[in-house]
């Protein structure tokens, strides 16, 4: 049974969830943000920007796991970087908690619900249109992980519908405010059934259409972290990809990202995007 309590985490109000040998901390004074996740007695799998070094105007990276909205070429959108510095409210739900942020200037209310059952952590992201006009886009779930020199990452490829089985990898060469990535990046390797990578210090980004919907982090000390989301074969995704990874410069973080299909949300309507997280010993 999951144990839930209010705590303070690095100066933030937070909710702690502990289930068996796994622990999660969700901060509520900003966000919603998952600030800590991993095995109890082990280190945090997530990167957290204690010093507040990564900013863009009023927007702060913070780190951990967050919910953004997608557009085509979403990194180029100003609304993506709308600050989420305000306090959220927490509501208890069965076997978990729901964290709700104040609605944005575009009248989109973001929430994050976490429940635990049988060692699987369900992280549900929701966008609710509180305005009077249509809104279109998608949910973008980003997990900032903390790599070491021994950490390895993997995205399984293949598993598409019967007939053609195509692995699609998009490589943004330039995006946002001066970010770049190279085609001949030695941090990435293609195997028979996966894209594998590790952080060596260069900035890089890859976007992948991967029907299995799985992102994996393997660390010899902290264990194996996997997150998975459902893939909808006939849906429209940003740049026709449902997963993405970002390697920060100087190996400060590796971001594991999933994206929902693009939808139009009517006033009062919601869009839900669900991930399943697990962490196990290596």
C-alpha atoms as a PDB file:
ATOM      1  CA  UNK A   1       0.000   0.000   0.000  1.00  0.00           C
ATOM      2  CA  UNK A   2       1.332   3.414  -0.951  1.00  0.00           C
ATOM      3  CA  UNK A   3       2.252   5.738   1.916  1.00  0.00           C
ATOM      4  CA  UNK A   4       1.574   9.439   1.249  1.00  0.00           C
ATOM      5  CA  UNK A   5       2.618  12.443   3.330  1.00  0.00           C
ATOM      6  CA  UNK A   6       3.249  16.168   2.990  1.00  0.00           C
ATOM      7  CA  UNK A   7       6.927  17.084   3.256  1.00  0.00           C
ATOM      8  CA  UNK A   8       9.380  19.893   2.470  1.00  0.00           C
ATOM      9  CA  UNK A   9      11.779  19.173  -0.403  1.00  0.00           C
ATOM     10  CA  UNK A  10      14.694  21.529  -1.113  1.00  0.00           C
ATOM     11  CA  UNK A  11      12.672  24.504   0.066  1.00  0.00           C
ATOM     12  CA  UNK A  12       9.479  23.493  -1.756  1.00  0.00           C
ATOM     13  CA  UNK A  13       6.201  22.204  -0.365  1.00  0.00           C
ATOM     14  CA  UNK A  14       5.836  18.669  -1.620  1.00  0.00           C
ATOM     15  CA  UNK A  15       4.012  15.351  -1.414  1.00  0.00           C
ATOM     16  CA  UNK A  16       5.992  12.157  -0.856  1.00  0.00           C
ATOM     17  CA  UNK A  17       4.749   8.763  -2.060  1.00  0.00           C
ATOM     18  CA  UNK A  18       6.487   5.540  -1.002  1.00  0.00           C
ATOM     19  CA  UNK A  19       5.475   2.114  -2.299  1.00  0.00           C
ATOM     20  CA  UNK A  20       7.616  -0.906  -1.459  1.00  0.00           C
ATOM     21  CA  UNK A  21      11.154  -0.099  -2.570  1.00  0.00           C
ATOM     22  CA  UNK A  22      10.281   2.974  -4.681  1.00  0.00           C
ATOM     23  CA  UNK A  23       9.846   6.616  -3.708  1.00  0.00           C
ATOM     24  CA  UNK A  24       8.510   9.705  -5.492  1.00  0.00           C
ATOM     25  CA  UNK A  25       8.398  13.365  -4.445  1.00  0.00           C
ATOM     26  CA  UNK A  26       6.079  15.839  -6.224  1.00  0.00           C
ATOM     27  CA  UNK A  27       6.566  19.511  -5.415  1.00  0.00           C
ATOM     28  CA  UNK A  28       3.455  21.654  -5.128  1.00  0.00           C
ATOM     29  CA  UNK A  29       4.836  25.167  -4.581  1.00  0.00           C
ATOM     30  CA  UNK A  30       5.623  25.261  -8.344  1.00  0.00           C
ATOM     31  CA  UNK A  31       4.720  23.019 -11.215  1.00  0.00           C
ATOM     32  CA  UNK A  32       3.304  20.466 -11.063  1.00  0.00           C
ATOM     33  CA  UNK A  33       6.735  18.796 -10.944  1.00  0.00           C
ATOM     34  CA  UNK A  34       8.018  15.371  -9.932  1.00  0.00           C
ATOM     35  CA  UNK A  35      11.324  16.268  -8.266  1.00  0.00           C
ATOM     36  CA  UNK A  36      12.532  12.870  -7.035  1.00  0.00           C
ATOM     37  CA  UNK A  37      12.027   9.296  -8.204  1.00  0.00           C
ATOM     38  CA  UNK A  38      13.979   6.148  -7.567  1.00  0.00           C
ATOM     39  CA  UNK A  39      14.498   3.201  -5.304  1.00  0.00           C
ATOM     40  CA  UNK A  40      14.399   3.875  -1.579  1.00  0.00           C
ATOM     41  CA  UNK A  41      17.905   3.925  -0.191  1.00  0.00           C
ATOM     42  CA  UNK A  42      19.326   4.777  -3.608  1.00  0.00           C
ATOM     43  CA  UNK A  43      20.006   8.027  -5.424  1.00  0.00           C
ATOM     44  CA  UNK A  44      17.582  10.219  -7.332  1.00  0.00           C
ATOM     45  CA  UNK A  45      17.204   9.212 -10.983  1.00  0.00           C
ATOM     46  CA  UNK A  46      16.056  12.722 -11.840  1.00  0.00           C
ATOM     47  CA  UNK A  47      18.034  15.901 -12.374  1.00  0.00           C
ATOM     48  CA  UNK A  48      16.970  18.817 -10.176  1.00  0.00           C
ATOM     49  CA  UNK A  49      18.332  22.327 -10.775  1.00  0.00           C
ATOM     50  CA  UNK A  50      19.110  23.276  -7.160  1.00  0.00           C
ATOM     51  CA  UNK A  51      20.963  26.430  -8.184  1.00  0.00           C
ATOM     52  CA  UNK A  52      18.274  27.686 -10.581  1.00  0.00           C
ATOM     53  CA  UNK A  53      20.907  27.991 -13.298  1.00  0.00           C
ATOM     54  CA  UNK A  54      18.724  27.115 -16.289  1.00  0.00           C
ATOM     55  CA  UNK A  55      16.300  29.909 -17.132  1.00  0.00           C
ATOM     56  CA  UNK A  56      14.677  31.724 -20.022  1.00  0.00           C
ATOM     57  CA  UNK A  57      13.192  34.990 -18.828  1.00  0.00           C
ATOM     58  CA  UNK A  58      10.733  34.177 -16.044  1.00  0.00           C
ATOM     59  CA  UNK A  59      10.669  30.501 -17.026  1.00  0.00           C
ATOM     60  CA  UNK A  60      12.844  28.135 -14.978  1.00  0.00           C
ATOM     61  CA  UNK A  61      13.786  24.601 -15.916  1.00  0.00           C
ATOM     62  CA  UNK A  62      13.663  23.338 -12.299  1.00  0.00           C
ATOM     63  CA  UNK A  63      14.223  19.824 -13.665  1.00  0.00           C
ATOM     64  CA  UNK A  64      12.469  16.658 -12.573  1.00  0.00           C
ATOM     65  CA  UNK A  65       9.379  15.736 -14.588  1.00  0.00           C
ATOM     66  CA  UNK A  66       7.029  18.354 -16.033  1.00  0.00           C
ATOM     67  CA  UNK A  67       4.074  18.777 -18.384  1.00  0.00           C
ATOM     68  CA  UNK A  68       4.310  21.058 -21.417  1.00  0.00           C
ATOM     69  CA  UNK A  69       2.084  21.552 -24.432  1.00  0.00           C
ATOM     70  CA  UNK A  70       3.142  20.620 -27.965  1.00  0.00           C
ATOM     71  CA  UNK A  71       2.817  22.331 -31.294  1.00  0.00           C
ATOM     72  CA  UNK A  72       4.588  21.321 -34.488  1.00  0.00           C
ATOM     73  CA  UNK A  73       8.242  22.244 -33.814  1.00  0.00           C
ATOM     74  CA  UNK A  74       7.193  22.871 -30.226  1.00  0.00           C
ATOM     75  CA  UNK A  75      10.576  24.151 -29.028  1.00  0.00           C
ATOM     76  CA  UNK A  76      10.032  27.236 -31.169  1.00  0.00           C
ATOM     77  CA  UNK A  77       6.806  28.247 -29.414  1.00  0.00           C
ATOM     78  CA  UNK A  78       6.783  31.012 -26.795  1.00  0.00           C
ATOM     79  CA  UNK A  79       3.773  29.507 -25.048  1.00  0.00           C
ATOM     80  CA  UNK A  80       5.788  26.358 -24.314  1.00  0.00           C
ATOM     81  CA  UNK A  81       8.034  28.450 -22.079  1.00  0.00           C
ATOM     82  CA  UNK A  82       5.175  30.039 -20.164  1.00  0.00           C
ATOM     83  CA  UNK A  83       6.382  30.094 -16.541  1.00  0.00           C
ATOM     84  CA  UNK A  84       4.943  27.494 -14.183  1.00  0.00           C
ATOM     85  CA  UNK A  85       6.215  29.167 -11.025  1.00  0.00           C
ATOM     86  CA  UNK A  86       2.879  29.412  -9.199  1.00  0.00           C
ATOM     87  CA  UNK A  87       1.711  27.212  -6.366  1.00  0.00           C
ATOM     88  CA  UNK A  88      -0.482  24.223  -7.181  1.00  0.00           C
ATOM     89  CA  UNK A  89      -3.170  22.521  -5.170  1.00  0.00           C
ATOM     90  CA  UNK A  90      -3.033  18.849  -4.166  1.00  0.00           C
ATOM     91  CA  UNK A  91      -6.036  16.531  -3.980  1.00  0.00           C
ATOM     92  CA  UNK A  92      -5.984  12.997  -2.575  1.00  0.00           C
ATOM     93  CA  UNK A  93      -7.181  10.228  -4.911  1.00  0.00           C
ATOM     94  CA  UNK A  94      -7.299   6.459  -4.502  1.00  0.00           C
ATOM     95  CA  UNK A  95      -3.720   5.104  -4.172  1.00  0.00           C
ATOM     96  CA  UNK A  96      -2.197   8.440  -5.071  1.00  0.00           C
ATOM     97  CA  UNK A  97      -2.498  12.195  -5.459  1.00  0.00           C
ATOM     98  CA  UNK A  98      -3.547  14.757  -8.071  1.00  0.00           C
ATOM     99  CA  UNK A  99      -1.664  18.046  -8.437  1.00  0.00           C
ATOM    100  CA  UNK A 100      -3.446  20.902 -10.256  1.00  0.00           C
ATOM    101  CA  UNK A 101      -1.754  24.067 -11.532  1.00  0.00           C
ATOM    102  CA  UNK A 102      -3.462  27.434 -11.980  1.00  0.00           C
ATOM    103  CA  UNK A 103      -4.781  27.894 -15.505  1.00  0.00           C
ATOM    104  CA  UNK A 104      -2.413  29.444 -18.005  1.00  0.00           C
ATOM    105  CA  UNK A 105      -2.868  32.713 -19.911  1.00  0.00           C
ATOM    106  CA  UNK A 106      -4.303  30.593 -22.728  1.00  0.00           C
ATOM    107  CA  UNK A 107      -6.834  29.207 -20.212  1.00  0.00           C
ATOM    108  CA  UNK A 108      -5.350  25.714 -20.212  1.00  0.00           C
ATOM    109  CA  UNK A 109      -5.304  24.023 -16.812  1.00  0.00           C
ATOM    110  CA  UNK A 110      -2.545  21.435 -16.325  1.00  0.00           C
ATOM    111  CA  UNK A 111      -2.725  18.621 -13.820  1.00  0.00           C
ATOM    112  CA  UNK A 112      -0.642  15.603 -12.882  1.00  0.00           C
ATOM    113  CA  UNK A 113      -2.157  12.530 -11.230  1.00  0.00           C
ATOM    114  CA  UNK A 114       0.015   9.756  -9.792  1.00  0.00           C
ATOM    115  CA  UNK A 115      -1.255   6.379  -8.617  1.00  0.00           C
ATOM    116  CA  UNK A 116       0.654   3.233  -7.656  1.00  0.00           C
ATOM    117  CA  UNK A 117      -0.336  -0.414  -8.031  1.00  0.00           C
ATOM    118  CA  UNK A 118       1.782  -3.560  -8.113  1.00  0.00           C
ATOM    119  CA  UNK A 119       5.048  -1.676  -8.476  1.00  0.00           C
ATOM    120  CA  UNK A 120       3.804   0.324 -11.486  1.00  0.00           C
ATOM    121  CA  UNK A 121       3.466   4.088 -11.156  1.00  0.00           C
ATOM    122  CA  UNK A 122       0.782   5.598 -13.384  1.00  0.00           C
ATOM    123  CA  UNK A 123       1.571   9.224 -14.211  1.00  0.00           C
ATOM    124  CA  UNK A 124      -1.469  10.807 -15.892  1.00  0.00           C
ATOM    125  CA  UNK A 125      -1.136  14.239 -17.500  1.00  0.00           C
ATOM    126  CA  UNK A 126      -4.239  16.272 -18.245  1.00  0.00           C
ATOM    127  CA  UNK A 127      -4.854  19.480 -20.182  1.00  0.00           C
ATOM    128  CA  UNK A 128      -8.274  21.052 -19.578  1.00  0.00           C
ATOM    129  CA  UNK A 129      -9.628  23.880 -21.714  1.00  0.00           C
ATOM    130  CA  UNK A 130     -11.161  26.353 -19.265  1.00  0.00           C
ATOM    131  CA  UNK A 131     -11.762  29.014 -21.933  1.00  0.00           C
ATOM    132  CA  UNK A 132     -14.627  29.690 -24.314  1.00  0.00           C
ATOM    133  CA  UNK A 133     -12.730  29.015 -27.566  1.00  0.00           C
ATOM    134  CA  UNK A 134     -11.171  25.933 -29.128  1.00  0.00           C
ATOM    135  CA  UNK A 135      -7.585  24.970 -28.297  1.00  0.00           C
ATOM    136  CA  UNK A 136      -5.481  22.546 -30.333  1.00  0.00           C
ATOM    137  CA  UNK A 137      -2.209  20.856 -29.511  1.00  0.00           C
ATOM    138  CA  UNK A 138      -0.979  18.000 -27.392  1.00  0.00           C
ATOM    139  CA  UNK A 139       0.594  16.987 -24.107  1.00  0.00           C
ATOM    140  CA  UNK A 140       4.370  16.794 -23.821  1.00  0.00           C
ATOM    141  CA  UNK A 141       5.745  14.890 -20.816  1.00  0.00           C
ATOM    142  CA  UNK A 142       9.426  15.568 -20.131  1.00  0.00           C
ATOM    143  CA  UNK A 143      11.571  13.711 -17.599  1.00  0.00           C
ATOM    144  CA  UNK A 144      14.964  15.239 -16.769  1.00  0.00           C
ATOM    145  CA  UNK A 145      17.228  12.376 -15.705  1.00  0.00           C
ATOM    146  CA  UNK A 146      20.656  12.682 -14.089  1.00  0.00           C
ATOM    147  CA  UNK A 147      23.278  10.670 -15.987  1.00  0.00           C
ATOM    148  CA  UNK A 148      26.686   9.485 -14.850  1.00  0.00           C
ATOM    149  CA  UNK A 149      29.508   8.170 -17.020  1.00  0.00           C
ATOM    150  CA  UNK A 150      28.057   4.667 -16.551  1.00  0.00           C
ATOM    151  CA  UNK A 151      24.422   5.463 -17.397  1.00  0.00           C
ATOM    152  CA  UNK A 152      23.033   3.979 -20.618  1.00  0.00           C
ATOM    153  CA  UNK A 153      19.766   4.758 -22.415  1.00  0.00           C
ATOM    154  CA  UNK A 154      17.680   2.811 -24.918  1.00  0.00           C
ATOM    155  CA  UNK A 155      14.610   3.357 -27.126  1.00  0.00           C
ATOM    156  CA  UNK A 156      13.187   0.113 -28.600  1.00  0.00           C
ATOM    157  CA  UNK A 157      12.274   0.474 -32.281  1.00  0.00           C
ATOM    158  CA  UNK A 158       9.950  -1.535 -34.495  1.00  0.00           C
ATOM    159  CA  UNK A 159       6.679  -3.127 -33.508  1.00  0.00           C
ATOM    160  CA  UNK A 160       4.547  -1.249 -36.008  1.00  0.00           C
ATOM    161  CA  UNK A 161       1.367  -2.493 -37.659  1.00  0.00           C
ATOM    162  CA  UNK A 162       1.355  -5.508 -39.972  1.00  0.00           C
ATOM    163  CA  UNK A 163       2.957  -4.894 -43.346  1.00  0.00           C
ATOM    164  CA  UNK A 164       5.550  -2.117 -43.438  1.00  0.00           C
ATOM    165  CA  UNK A 165       7.534  -1.790 -40.200  1.00  0.00           C
ATOM    166  CA  UNK A 166       9.320   1.553 -40.374  1.00  0.00           C
ATOM    167  CA  UNK A 167      11.703   3.155 -37.872  1.00  0.00           C
ATOM    168  CA  UNK A 168      11.432   6.946 -38.098  1.00  0.00           C
ATOM    169  CA  UNK A 169      14.104   9.131 -36.475  1.00  0.00           C
ATOM    170  CA  UNK A 170      14.011  12.912 -36.864  1.00  0.00           C
ATOM    171  CA  UNK A 171      17.161  14.896 -36.053  1.00  0.00           C
ATOM    172  CA  UNK A 172      16.689  18.621 -35.349  1.00  0.00           C
ATOM    173  CA  UNK A 173      19.943  20.286 -36.433  1.00  0.00           C
ATOM    174  CA  UNK A 174      19.031  23.712 -35.040  1.00  0.00           C
ATOM    175  CA  UNK A 175      16.133  24.816 -32.850  1.00  0.00           C
ATOM    176  CA  UNK A 176      15.057  27.219 -30.132  1.00  0.00           C
ATOM    177  CA  UNK A 177      17.505  29.835 -28.908  1.00  0.00           C
ATOM    178  CA  UNK A 178      20.701  28.579 -30.537  1.00  0.00           C
ATOM    179  CA  UNK A 179      20.430  24.870 -29.746  1.00  0.00           C
ATOM    180  CA  UNK A 180      22.124  22.494 -32.175  1.00  0.00           C
ATOM    181  CA  UNK A 181      22.570  18.777 -32.816  1.00  0.00           C
ATOM    182  CA  UNK A 182      24.791  16.865 -35.260  1.00  0.00           C
ATOM    183  CA  UNK A 183      23.991  14.056 -37.632  1.00  0.00           C
ATOM    184  CA  UNK A 184      27.239  12.167 -36.966  1.00  0.00           C
ATOM    185  CA  UNK A 185      26.910  12.169 -33.180  1.00  0.00           C
ATOM    186  CA  UNK A 186      28.906   9.302 -31.570  1.00  0.00           C
ATOM    187  CA  UNK A 187      26.650   9.412 -28.501  1.00  0.00           C
ATOM    188  CA  UNK A 188      23.996   7.471 -30.488  1.00  0.00           C
ATOM    189  CA  UNK A 189      24.138   3.901 -31.817  1.00  0.00           C
ATOM    190  CA  UNK A 190      21.570   1.980 -33.833  1.00  0.00           C
ATOM    191  CA  UNK A 191      21.331  -1.724 -32.974  1.00  0.00           C
ATOM    192  CA  UNK A 192      19.163  -4.403 -34.571  1.00  0.00           C
ATOM    193  CA  UNK A 193      16.103  -3.310 -32.601  1.00  0.00           C
ATOM    194  CA  UNK A 194      16.827  -0.056 -30.749  1.00  0.00           C
ATOM    195  CA  UNK A 195      18.389   3.363 -30.629  1.00  0.00           C
ATOM    196  CA  UNK A 196      20.929   3.347 -27.810  1.00  0.00           C
ATOM    197  CA  UNK A 197      22.765   6.362 -26.431  1.00  0.00           C
ATOM    198  CA  UNK A 198      24.776   7.796 -23.576  1.00  0.00           C
ATOM    199  CA  UNK A 199      25.696  11.317 -22.565  1.00  0.00           C
ATOM    200  CA  UNK A 200      29.295  12.226 -23.386  1.00  0.00           C
ATOM    201  CA  UNK A 201      28.970  15.987 -23.047  1.00  0.00           C
ATOM    202  CA  UNK A 202      27.685  17.298 -26.387  1.00  0.00           C
ATOM    203  CA  UNK A 203      24.200  18.767 -26.808  1.00  0.00           C
ATOM    204  CA  UNK A 204      21.948  16.562 -28.941  1.00  0.00           C
ATOM    205  CA  UNK A 205      18.313  15.850 -29.747  1.00  0.00           C
ATOM    206  CA  UNK A 206      16.529  12.963 -31.424  1.00  0.00           C
ATOM    207  CA  UNK A 207      12.797  12.512 -32.093  1.00  0.00           C
ATOM    208  CA  UNK A 208      11.516   8.997 -32.764  1.00  0.00           C
ATOM    209  CA  UNK A 209       8.344   7.320 -33.994  1.00  0.00           C
ATOM    210  CA  UNK A 210       8.436   4.209 -31.804  1.00  0.00           C
ATOM    211  CA  UNK A 211       5.220   2.156 -31.549  1.00  0.00           C
ATOM    212  CA  UNK A 212       6.372   0.402 -28.359  1.00  0.00           C
ATOM    213  CA  UNK A 213       6.381   3.810 -26.654  1.00  0.00           C
ATOM    214  CA  UNK A 214       9.236   2.890 -24.288  1.00  0.00           C
ATOM    215  CA  UNK A 215      12.170   4.943 -22.981  1.00  0.00           C
ATOM    216  CA  UNK A 216      14.728   3.205 -20.769  1.00  0.00           C
ATOM    217  CA  UNK A 217      17.497   4.416 -18.460  1.00  0.00           C
ATOM    218  CA  UNK A 218      19.917   1.843 -17.062  1.00  0.00           C
ATOM    219  CA  UNK A 219      22.254   2.838 -14.228  1.00  0.00           C
ATOM    220  CA  UNK A 220      24.465   0.337 -12.360  1.00  0.00           C
ATOM    221  CA  UNK A 221      23.973   2.049  -8.989  1.00  0.00           C
ATOM    222  CA  UNK A 222      20.424   3.413  -9.139  1.00  0.00           C
ATOM    223  CA  UNK A 223      18.708   0.677 -11.178  1.00  0.00           C
ATOM    224  CA  UNK A 224      16.636   0.465 -14.345  1.00  0.00           C
ATOM    225  CA  UNK A 225      14.008   3.138 -14.994  1.00  0.00           C
ATOM    226  CA  UNK A 226      11.447   2.664 -17.749  1.00  0.00           C
ATOM    227  CA  UNK A 227       8.544   4.789 -18.798  1.00  0.00           C
ATOM    228  CA  UNK A 228       6.003   3.780 -21.390  1.00  0.00           C
ATOM    229  CA  UNK A 229       3.074   5.422 -23.140  1.00  0.00           C
ATOM    230  CA  UNK A 230       0.440   4.159 -25.576  1.00  0.00           C
ATOM    231  CA  UNK A 231       1.053   4.742 -29.289  1.00  0.00           C
ATOM    232  CA  UNK A 232      -1.933   5.538 -31.534  1.00  0.00           C
ATOM    233  CA  UNK A 233      -1.054   4.400 -35.057  1.00  0.00           C
ATOM    234  CA  UNK A 234      -3.415   6.656 -37.021  1.00  0.00           C
ATOM    235  CA  UNK A 235      -2.949   9.788 -34.881  1.00  0.00           C
ATOM    236  CA  UNK A 236      -1.097  12.975 -35.739  1.00  0.00           C
ATOM    237  CA  UNK A 237       2.064  13.549 -33.680  1.00  0.00           C
ATOM    238  CA  UNK A 238       4.587  16.424 -33.743  1.00  0.00           C
ATOM    239  CA  UNK A 239       6.921  15.793 -36.716  1.00  0.00           C
ATOM    240  CA  UNK A 240       5.297  12.324 -36.909  1.00  0.00           C
ATOM    241  CA  UNK A 241       7.131  11.259 -33.716  1.00  0.00           C
ATOM    242  CA  UNK A 242       5.826  10.187 -30.308  1.00  0.00           C
ATOM    243  CA  UNK A 243       9.104  10.079 -28.343  1.00  0.00           C
ATOM    244  CA  UNK A 244      12.121  12.368 -28.044  1.00  0.00           C
ATOM    245  CA  UNK A 245      15.396  12.567 -26.139  1.00  0.00           C
ATOM    246  CA  UNK A 246      17.561  15.566 -25.335  1.00  0.00           C
ATOM    247  CA  UNK A 247      21.171  15.395 -24.129  1.00  0.00           C
ATOM    248  CA  UNK A 248      22.184  18.543 -22.309  1.00  0.00           C
ATOM    249  CA  UNK A 249      25.622  20.112 -22.820  1.00  0.00           C
ATOM    250  CA  UNK A 250      28.344  19.101 -20.363  1.00  0.00           C
ATOM    251  CA  UNK A 251      26.162  16.085 -19.496  1.00  0.00           C
ATOM    252  CA  UNK A 252      24.099  18.066 -16.997  1.00  0.00           C
ATOM    253  CA  UNK A 253      20.959  16.038 -17.841  1.00  0.00           C
ATOM    254  CA  UNK A 254      19.319  13.658 -20.294  1.00  0.00           C
ATOM    255  CA  UNK A 255      15.656  14.362 -20.986  1.00  0.00           C
ATOM    256  CA  UNK A 256      13.268  11.504 -21.841  1.00  0.00           C
ATOM    257  CA  UNK A 257      10.131  12.825 -23.547  1.00  0.00           C
ATOM    258  CA  UNK A 258       6.789  11.390 -24.646  1.00  0.00           C
ATOM    259  CA  UNK A 259       4.115  13.197 -26.640  1.00  0.00           C
ATOM    260  CA  UNK A 260       0.400  12.645 -27.013  1.00  0.00           C
ATOM    261  CA  UNK A 261      -1.454  12.796 -30.338  1.00  0.00           C
ATOM    262  CA  UNK A 262      -2.419  16.315 -31.404  1.00  0.00           C
ATOM    263  CA  UNK A 263      -6.056  17.062 -30.577  1.00  0.00           C
ATOM    264  CA  UNK A 264      -8.586  19.867 -30.657  1.00  0.00           C
ATOM    265  CA  UNK A 265     -10.080  20.468 -27.210  1.00  0.00           C
ATOM    266  CA  UNK A 266     -13.495  22.089 -26.981  1.00  0.00           C
ATOM    267  CA  UNK A 267     -14.327  24.483 -24.112  1.00  0.00           C
ATOM    268  CA  UNK A 268     -14.621  22.405 -20.947  1.00  0.00           C
ATOM    269  CA  UNK A 269     -12.945  19.436 -22.621  1.00  0.00           C
ATOM    270  CA  UNK A 270      -9.772  17.609 -21.601  1.00  0.00           C
ATOM    271  CA  UNK A 271      -6.850  15.815 -23.191  1.00  0.00           C
ATOM    272  CA  UNK A 272      -5.217  12.983 -21.210  1.00  0.00           C
ATOM    273  CA  UNK A 273      -1.751  11.524 -21.721  1.00  0.00           C
ATOM    274  CA  UNK A 274      -0.674   8.590 -19.535  1.00  0.00           C
ATOM    275  CA  UNK A 275       2.766   7.178 -18.791  1.00  0.00           C
ATOM    276  CA  UNK A 276       3.593   4.057 -16.763  1.00  0.00           C
ATOM    277  CA  UNK A 277       6.826   4.215 -14.739  1.00  0.00           C
ATOM    278  CA  UNK A 278       8.797   1.373 -13.174  1.00  0.00           C
ATOM    279  CA  UNK A 279      12.140   1.232 -11.386  1.00  0.00           C
ATOM    280  CA  UNK A 280      13.971  -1.991 -10.615  1.00  0.00           C
ATOM    281  CA  UNK A 281      17.391  -3.004  -9.408  1.00  0.00           C
ATOM    282  CA  UNK A 282      19.949  -3.491 -12.167  1.00  0.00           C
END
